C-alpha cells in the first residue's frame, strides 16, 4: 500500500484541465525556493479567507525545514507547500488536516529539499506513519487553496502558473462520485479508493496576498 501523499496539485493535460498528482516524478528532488519570513507568512495566509487565515498558525520554510512562525488561535494552520523545487503552493488546513495531512506534506517537502528522490522520501515516510509519528485523517479534513499567487508545476515538470481556487476534503478511500455539472472538476475525487483520496470543490474567486499589518 502506498502511503505517500503528494504535497500539491499538478496540472493534468486533458479535458477540463483538472489537477492530478504525479508524486514519483524524479525532477521533484532538490533544493526548494526560500522566501523572507514576511513574504512567506503573507503568501501562506492567502490560501484561505481572512476569517480563517488571520487566526491560523503559520509555518515558514527554512533550509532546515518548516518552523512555526505564528501560533494558532483557531486550530487551523497555513504554510506554503513546494511539490517541486520551483513551485509555491499556499495551503491552509483545518484542525484535523493540520494534525494529519499537512504534517505529511511538510515532511515530504523537507525530504525532497534534502535531495531524496520521491521513492526515497516514500520509504522514509512509511515507518513514521506506521509508528504514529505521522497519521492519516481520522475524520474528514478540510483544506483551502485560494491563493491568487500560487505557482504550480505541470506533471511534465514545466511551470503551469495558477490553476483554480478550490477546497479539498481529505478522507481515506473515497470513491468517485458521478457529477451532472458541466465542469468535471467541480466535484472530482482525487486519488479515489486510496488512503490519500480527497474531494475537490472549485470555488469562484482567488484570494489576493495581503500585506502584513505594520
C-alpha atoms as a PDB file:
ATOM      1  CA  UNK A   1       0.000   0.000   0.000  1.00  0.00           C
ATOM      2  CA  UNK A   2       1.368   3.430  -0.914  1.00  0.00           C
ATOM      3  CA  UNK A   3       1.197   5.991   1.888  1.00  0.00           C
ATOM      4  CA  UNK A   4       2.807   8.959   0.163  1.00  0.00           C
ATOM      5  CA  UNK A   5       0.566  11.989  -0.238  1.00  0.00           C
ATOM      6  CA  UNK A   6       1.590  14.492  -2.920  1.00  0.00           C
ATOM      7  CA  UNK A   7       2.273  17.943  -1.498  1.00  0.00           C
ATOM      8  CA  UNK A   8       0.369  19.993  -4.013  1.00  0.00           C
ATOM      9  CA  UNK A   9      -1.627  19.982  -7.191  1.00  0.00           C
ATOM     10  CA  UNK A  10      -0.160  19.466 -10.626  1.00  0.00           C
ATOM     11  CA  UNK A  11      -1.970  20.477 -13.781  1.00  0.00           C
ATOM     12  CA  UNK A  12      -3.045  17.490 -15.864  1.00  0.00           C
ATOM     13  CA  UNK A  13      -3.237  17.559 -19.629  1.00  0.00           C
ATOM     14  CA  UNK A  14      -6.712  16.703 -20.834  1.00  0.00           C
ATOM     15  CA  UNK A  15     -10.314  17.760 -20.903  1.00  0.00           C
ATOM     16  CA  UNK A  16     -11.327  20.133 -18.156  1.00  0.00           C
ATOM     17  CA  UNK A  17      -7.754  20.875 -17.055  1.00  0.00           C
ATOM     18  CA  UNK A  18      -8.390  19.170 -13.721  1.00  0.00           C
ATOM     19  CA  UNK A  19      -5.392  18.765 -11.385  1.00  0.00           C
ATOM     20  CA  UNK A  20      -3.599  15.468 -10.966  1.00  0.00           C
ATOM     21  CA  UNK A  21      -0.732  14.218  -8.857  1.00  0.00           C
ATOM     22  CA  UNK A  22       2.492  12.775 -10.216  1.00  0.00           C
ATOM     23  CA  UNK A  23       4.306  12.184  -6.946  1.00  0.00           C
ATOM     24  CA  UNK A  24       7.070   9.987  -8.395  1.00  0.00           C
ATOM     25  CA  UNK A  25       8.489  12.402 -10.991  1.00  0.00           C
ATOM     26  CA  UNK A  26      12.304  12.414 -10.471  1.00  0.00           C
ATOM     27  CA  UNK A  27      12.527  16.171 -11.108  1.00  0.00           C
ATOM     28  CA  UNK A  28      10.833  16.816  -7.772  1.00  0.00           C
ATOM     29  CA  UNK A  29      14.051  16.239  -5.808  1.00  0.00           C
ATOM     30  CA  UNK A  30      16.325  19.160  -4.966  1.00  0.00           C
ATOM     31  CA  UNK A  31      16.569  22.449  -3.034  1.00  0.00           C
ATOM     32  CA  UNK A  32      13.342  24.419  -2.691  1.00  0.00           C
ATOM     33  CA  UNK A  33      12.726  28.154  -3.137  1.00  0.00           C
ATOM     34  CA  UNK A  34      13.312  30.153   0.058  1.00  0.00           C
ATOM     35  CA  UNK A  35      11.395  33.358   0.839  1.00  0.00           C
ATOM     36  CA  UNK A  36      11.683  36.014   3.519  1.00  0.00           C
ATOM     37  CA  UNK A  37       9.557  35.147   6.560  1.00  0.00           C
ATOM     38  CA  UNK A  38       7.322  38.165   5.929  1.00  0.00           C
ATOM     39  CA  UNK A  39       6.670  37.152   2.339  1.00  0.00           C
ATOM     40  CA  UNK A  40       6.093  33.516   3.282  1.00  0.00           C
ATOM     41  CA  UNK A  41       3.584  34.395   6.030  1.00  0.00           C
ATOM     42  CA  UNK A  42       1.598  36.683   3.727  1.00  0.00           C
ATOM     43  CA  UNK A  43       1.638  34.101   0.938  1.00  0.00           C
ATOM     44  CA  UNK A  44       0.583  31.274   3.262  1.00  0.00           C
ATOM     45  CA  UNK A  45      -2.339  33.289   4.618  1.00  0.00           C
ATOM     46  CA  UNK A  46      -3.604  33.987   1.106  1.00  0.00           C
ATOM     47  CA  UNK A  47      -4.591  30.304   0.822  1.00  0.00           C
ATOM     48  CA  UNK A  48      -7.800  30.834   2.832  1.00  0.00           C
ATOM     49  CA  UNK A  49     -10.299  33.603   3.604  1.00  0.00           C
ATOM     50  CA  UNK A  50      -9.126  36.129   6.200  1.00  0.00           C
ATOM     51  CA  UNK A  51     -11.716  34.844   8.700  1.00  0.00           C
ATOM     52  CA  UNK A  52      -9.710  31.599   8.818  1.00  0.00           C
ATOM     53  CA  UNK A  53      -6.152  32.516   7.877  1.00  0.00           C
ATOM     54  CA  UNK A  54      -5.700  35.527  10.164  1.00  0.00           C
ATOM     55  CA  UNK A  55      -6.139  33.319  13.269  1.00  0.00           C
ATOM     56  CA  UNK A  56      -4.354  30.253  11.891  1.00  0.00           C
ATOM     57  CA  UNK A  57      -0.876  29.033  12.729  1.00  0.00           C
ATOM     58  CA  UNK A  58       1.659  29.841  10.025  1.00  0.00           C
ATOM     59  CA  UNK A  59       4.729  27.743   9.244  1.00  0.00           C
ATOM     60  CA  UNK A  60       7.609  29.111   7.187  1.00  0.00           C
ATOM     61  CA  UNK A  61      10.152  27.082   5.252  1.00  0.00           C
ATOM     62  CA  UNK A  62      13.852  27.354   6.013  1.00  0.00           C
ATOM     63  CA  UNK A  63      16.847  25.416   4.756  1.00  0.00           C
ATOM     64  CA  UNK A  64      16.415  23.033   7.699  1.00  0.00           C
ATOM     65  CA  UNK A  65      12.655  22.584   7.193  1.00  0.00           C
ATOM     66  CA  UNK A  66       9.377  24.098   8.327  1.00  0.00           C
ATOM     67  CA  UNK A  67       9.251  26.106  11.557  1.00  0.00           C
ATOM     68  CA  UNK A  68       6.299  27.651  13.397  1.00  0.00           C
ATOM     69  CA  UNK A  69       6.261  31.428  12.864  1.00  0.00           C
ATOM     70  CA  UNK A  70       2.781  32.312  14.160  1.00  0.00           C
ATOM     71  CA  UNK A  71       0.807  30.235  16.726  1.00  0.00           C
ATOM     72  CA  UNK A  72      -2.795  29.234  16.030  1.00  0.00           C
ATOM     73  CA  UNK A  73      -5.813  30.814  17.716  1.00  0.00           C
ATOM     74  CA  UNK A  74      -8.435  28.696  15.926  1.00  0.00           C
ATOM     75  CA  UNK A  75      -6.832  25.278  15.319  1.00  0.00           C
ATOM     76  CA  UNK A  76      -6.201  25.937  11.621  1.00  0.00           C
ATOM     77  CA  UNK A  77      -2.738  26.164  10.070  1.00  0.00           C
ATOM     78  CA  UNK A  78      -1.267  27.593   6.858  1.00  0.00           C
ATOM     79  CA  UNK A  79       2.010  27.061   5.016  1.00  0.00           C
ATOM     80  CA  UNK A  80       3.473  27.233   1.512  1.00  0.00           C
ATOM     81  CA  UNK A  81       3.981  23.773   0.090  1.00  0.00           C
ATOM     82  CA  UNK A  82       6.660  23.092  -2.513  1.00  0.00           C
ATOM     83  CA  UNK A  83       5.927  19.954  -4.512  1.00  0.00           C
ATOM     84  CA  UNK A  84       8.700  20.912  -6.930  1.00  0.00           C
ATOM     85  CA  UNK A  85      11.914  22.928  -6.426  1.00  0.00           C
ATOM     86  CA  UNK A  86      10.349  25.937  -8.174  1.00  0.00           C
ATOM     87  CA  UNK A  87       6.714  25.676  -7.099  1.00  0.00           C
ATOM     88  CA  UNK A  88       4.925  27.714  -4.413  1.00  0.00           C
ATOM     89  CA  UNK A  89       1.591  26.304  -3.206  1.00  0.00           C
ATOM     90  CA  UNK A  90      -0.101  28.257  -0.389  1.00  0.00           C
ATOM     91  CA  UNK A  91      -2.265  25.868   1.585  1.00  0.00           C
ATOM     92  CA  UNK A  92      -4.373  26.132   4.779  1.00  0.00           C
ATOM     93  CA  UNK A  93      -5.846  23.226   6.767  1.00  0.00           C
ATOM     94  CA  UNK A  94      -8.487  22.898   9.463  1.00  0.00           C
ATOM     95  CA  UNK A  95      -7.663  21.374  12.853  1.00  0.00           C
ATOM     96  CA  UNK A  96      -7.802  17.736  11.688  1.00  0.00           C
ATOM     97  CA  UNK A  97      -5.963  18.424   8.443  1.00  0.00           C
ATOM     98  CA  UNK A  98      -3.174  20.346  10.171  1.00  0.00           C
ATOM     99  CA  UNK A  99      -2.619  17.382  12.520  1.00  0.00           C
ATOM    100  CA  UNK A 100      -2.505  14.818   9.727  1.00  0.00           C
ATOM    101  CA  UNK A 101      -2.283  15.613   6.009  1.00  0.00           C
ATOM    102  CA  UNK A 102      -0.345  18.848   6.443  1.00  0.00           C
ATOM    103  CA  UNK A 103       2.325  17.150   8.584  1.00  0.00           C
ATOM    104  CA  UNK A 104       2.859  14.521   5.896  1.00  0.00           C
ATOM    105  CA  UNK A 105       3.037  17.200   3.201  1.00  0.00           C
ATOM    106  CA  UNK A 106       5.610  19.226   5.107  1.00  0.00           C
ATOM    107  CA  UNK A 107       7.749  16.207   5.934  1.00  0.00           C
ATOM    108  CA  UNK A 108       7.794  15.137   2.292  1.00  0.00           C
ATOM    109  CA  UNK A 109       8.891  18.626   1.184  1.00  0.00           C
ATOM    110  CA  UNK A 110      11.704  18.579   3.744  1.00  0.00           C
ATOM    111  CA  UNK A 111      12.961  15.209   2.474  1.00  0.00           C
ATOM    112  CA  UNK A 112      12.813  16.274  -1.180  1.00  0.00           C
ATOM    113  CA  UNK A 113      14.627  19.517  -0.289  1.00  0.00           C
ATOM    114  CA  UNK A 114      17.461  17.412   1.132  1.00  0.00           C
ATOM    115  CA  UNK A 115      17.829  15.726  -2.251  1.00  0.00           C
ATOM    116  CA  UNK A 116      15.902  12.493  -1.660  1.00  0.00           C
ATOM    117  CA  UNK A 117      14.025  11.164  -4.655  1.00  0.00           C
ATOM    118  CA  UNK A 118      10.236  10.703  -4.342  1.00  0.00           C
ATOM    119  CA  UNK A 119      10.779   6.954  -3.888  1.00  0.00           C
ATOM    120  CA  UNK A 120      13.343   7.522  -1.109  1.00  0.00           C
ATOM    121  CA  UNK A 121      11.032  10.044   0.581  1.00  0.00           C
ATOM    122  CA  UNK A 122       8.230   7.497   0.465  1.00  0.00           C
ATOM    123  CA  UNK A 123      10.423   4.925   2.189  1.00  0.00           C
ATOM    124  CA  UNK A 124      11.250   7.457   4.914  1.00  0.00           C
ATOM    125  CA  UNK A 125       7.588   8.355   5.467  1.00  0.00           C
ATOM    126  CA  UNK A 126       6.349   4.763   5.727  1.00  0.00           C
ATOM    127  CA  UNK A 127       7.907   3.974   9.136  1.00  0.00           C
ATOM    128  CA  UNK A 128       6.863   7.371  10.520  1.00  0.00           C
ATOM    129  CA  UNK A 129       3.258   6.623   9.609  1.00  0.00           C
ATOM    130  CA  UNK A 130       3.483   3.079  10.947  1.00  0.00           C
ATOM    131  CA  UNK A 131       4.908   4.352  14.255  1.00  0.00           C
ATOM    132  CA  UNK A 132       2.205   7.016  14.610  1.00  0.00           C
ATOM    133  CA  UNK A 133       4.550   9.999  14.341  1.00  0.00           C
ATOM    134  CA  UNK A 134       2.541  10.931  11.252  1.00  0.00           C
ATOM    135  CA  UNK A 135      -1.051   9.907  10.606  1.00  0.00           C
ATOM    136  CA  UNK A 136      -3.883   9.984   8.104  1.00  0.00           C
ATOM    137  CA  UNK A 137      -7.137  11.843   8.919  1.00  0.00           C
ATOM    138  CA  UNK A 138      -9.426  10.155  11.441  1.00  0.00           C
ATOM    139  CA  UNK A 139     -12.377  12.269  10.330  1.00  0.00           C
ATOM    140  CA  UNK A 140     -12.866  14.298   7.110  1.00  0.00           C
ATOM    141  CA  UNK A 141     -10.218  17.032   6.926  1.00  0.00           C
ATOM    142  CA  UNK A 142     -10.655  20.318   5.064  1.00  0.00           C
ATOM    143  CA  UNK A 143      -8.091  22.431   3.246  1.00  0.00           C
ATOM    144  CA  UNK A 144      -8.142  25.646   1.228  1.00  0.00           C
ATOM    145  CA  UNK A 145      -6.059  26.589  -1.830  1.00  0.00           C
ATOM    146  CA  UNK A 146      -7.475  30.004  -2.774  1.00  0.00           C
ATOM    147  CA  UNK A 147      -4.259  31.991  -3.324  1.00  0.00           C
ATOM    148  CA  UNK A 148      -4.081  34.213  -6.395  1.00  0.00           C
ATOM    149  CA  UNK A 149      -0.282  33.844  -6.364  1.00  0.00           C
ATOM    150  CA  UNK A 150       0.091  30.067  -6.355  1.00  0.00           C
ATOM    151  CA  UNK A 151       2.846  28.908  -8.709  1.00  0.00           C
ATOM    152  CA  UNK A 152       2.139  25.337  -9.735  1.00  0.00           C
ATOM    153  CA  UNK A 153       4.235  22.939 -11.815  1.00  0.00           C
ATOM    154  CA  UNK A 154       2.691  20.762 -14.514  1.00  0.00           C
ATOM    155  CA  UNK A 155       3.041  17.000 -14.485  1.00  0.00           C
ATOM    156  CA  UNK A 156       5.656  17.364 -17.226  1.00  0.00           C
ATOM    157  CA  UNK A 157       7.832  19.437 -14.875  1.00  0.00           C
ATOM    158  CA  UNK A 158       7.138  22.775 -16.592  1.00  0.00           C
ATOM    159  CA  UNK A 159       5.657  25.881 -14.901  1.00  0.00           C
ATOM    160  CA  UNK A 160       1.860  25.959 -15.052  1.00  0.00           C
ATOM    161  CA  UNK A 161       1.128  29.138 -13.067  1.00  0.00           C
ATOM    162  CA  UNK A 162      -2.082  29.046 -11.099  1.00  0.00           C
ATOM    163  CA  UNK A 163      -4.963  26.632 -11.593  1.00  0.00           C
ATOM    164  CA  UNK A 164      -8.288  27.490  -9.920  1.00  0.00           C
ATOM    165  CA  UNK A 165      -9.222  28.297  -6.306  1.00  0.00           C
ATOM    166  CA  UNK A 166     -10.578  25.217  -4.596  1.00  0.00           C
ATOM    167  CA  UNK A 167     -11.383  23.394  -1.365  1.00  0.00           C
ATOM    168  CA  UNK A 168     -10.160  19.849  -0.731  1.00  0.00           C
ATOM    169  CA  UNK A 169     -11.864  17.438   1.678  1.00  0.00           C
ATOM    170  CA  UNK A 170      -9.498  14.593   2.619  1.00  0.00           C
ATOM    171  CA  UNK A 171     -10.798  11.225   3.733  1.00  0.00           C
ATOM    172  CA  UNK A 172      -9.231   7.796   3.104  1.00  0.00           C
ATOM    173  CA  UNK A 173     -10.778   5.551   0.471  1.00  0.00           C
ATOM    174  CA  UNK A 174     -13.313   7.935  -1.028  1.00  0.00           C
ATOM    175  CA  UNK A 175     -14.842   6.566  -4.210  1.00  0.00           C
ATOM    176  CA  UNK A 176     -15.627   8.575  -7.360  1.00  0.00           C
ATOM    177  CA  UNK A 177     -18.944  10.375  -7.339  1.00  0.00           C
ATOM    178  CA  UNK A 178     -20.984  10.850 -10.508  1.00  0.00           C
ATOM    179  CA  UNK A 179     -21.451  14.511 -11.465  1.00  0.00           C
ATOM    180  CA  UNK A 180     -24.010  16.140 -13.715  1.00  0.00           C
ATOM    181  CA  UNK A 181     -22.308  19.519 -13.753  1.00  0.00           C
ATOM    182  CA  UNK A 182     -20.787  20.850 -16.992  1.00  0.00           C
ATOM    183  CA  UNK A 183     -17.473  21.272 -15.153  1.00  0.00           C
ATOM    184  CA  UNK A 184     -15.930  17.844 -14.394  1.00  0.00           C
ATOM    185  CA  UNK A 185     -13.563  19.428 -11.850  1.00  0.00           C
ATOM    186  CA  UNK A 186     -16.411  20.884  -9.785  1.00  0.00           C
ATOM    187  CA  UNK A 187     -16.668  17.810  -7.542  1.00  0.00           C
ATOM    188  CA  UNK A 188     -13.987  15.345  -8.596  1.00  0.00           C
ATOM    189  CA  UNK A 189     -12.342  12.809  -6.279  1.00  0.00           C
ATOM    190  CA  UNK A 190      -8.559  12.787  -6.428  1.00  0.00           C
ATOM    191  CA  UNK A 191      -6.827   9.501  -5.563  1.00  0.00           C
ATOM    192  CA  UNK A 192     -10.153   7.650  -5.398  1.00  0.00           C
ATOM    193  CA  UNK A 193     -10.093   4.430  -3.365  1.00  0.00           C
ATOM    194  CA  UNK A 194      -6.681   5.143  -1.794  1.00  0.00           C
ATOM    195  CA  UNK A 195      -5.565   6.286   1.684  1.00  0.00           C
ATOM    196  CA  UNK A 196      -4.914   9.773   0.263  1.00  0.00           C
ATOM    197  CA  UNK A 197      -8.233  10.358  -1.519  1.00  0.00           C
ATOM    198  CA  UNK A 198      -9.828  13.811  -1.451  1.00  0.00           C
ATOM    199  CA  UNK A 199     -12.905  15.538  -2.828  1.00  0.00           C
ATOM    200  CA  UNK A 200     -12.004  18.680  -4.795  1.00  0.00           C
ATOM    201  CA  UNK A 201     -14.518  21.539  -4.968  1.00  0.00           C
ATOM    202  CA  UNK A 202     -13.808  24.544  -7.197  1.00  0.00           C
ATOM    203  CA  UNK A 203     -14.841  27.978  -5.847  1.00  0.00           C
ATOM    204  CA  UNK A 204     -15.427  31.235  -7.770  1.00  0.00           C
ATOM    205  CA  UNK A 205     -12.660  33.611  -6.655  1.00  0.00           C
ATOM    206  CA  UNK A 206      -8.978  33.710  -5.741  1.00  0.00           C
ATOM    207  CA  UNK A 207      -7.766  35.388  -2.527  1.00  0.00           C
ATOM    208  CA  UNK A 208      -5.123  38.092  -3.111  1.00  0.00           C
ATOM    209  CA  UNK A 209      -1.982  38.264  -0.989  1.00  0.00           C
ATOM    210  CA  UNK A 210      -2.466  40.941   1.687  1.00  0.00           C
ATOM    211  CA  UNK A 211       0.479  42.794   3.242  1.00  0.00           C
ATOM    212  CA  UNK A 212       1.191  42.030   6.891  1.00  0.00           C
ATOM    213  CA  UNK A 213      -0.003  44.608   9.467  1.00  0.00           C
ATOM    214  CA  UNK A 214       2.675  47.081  10.468  1.00  0.00           C
END
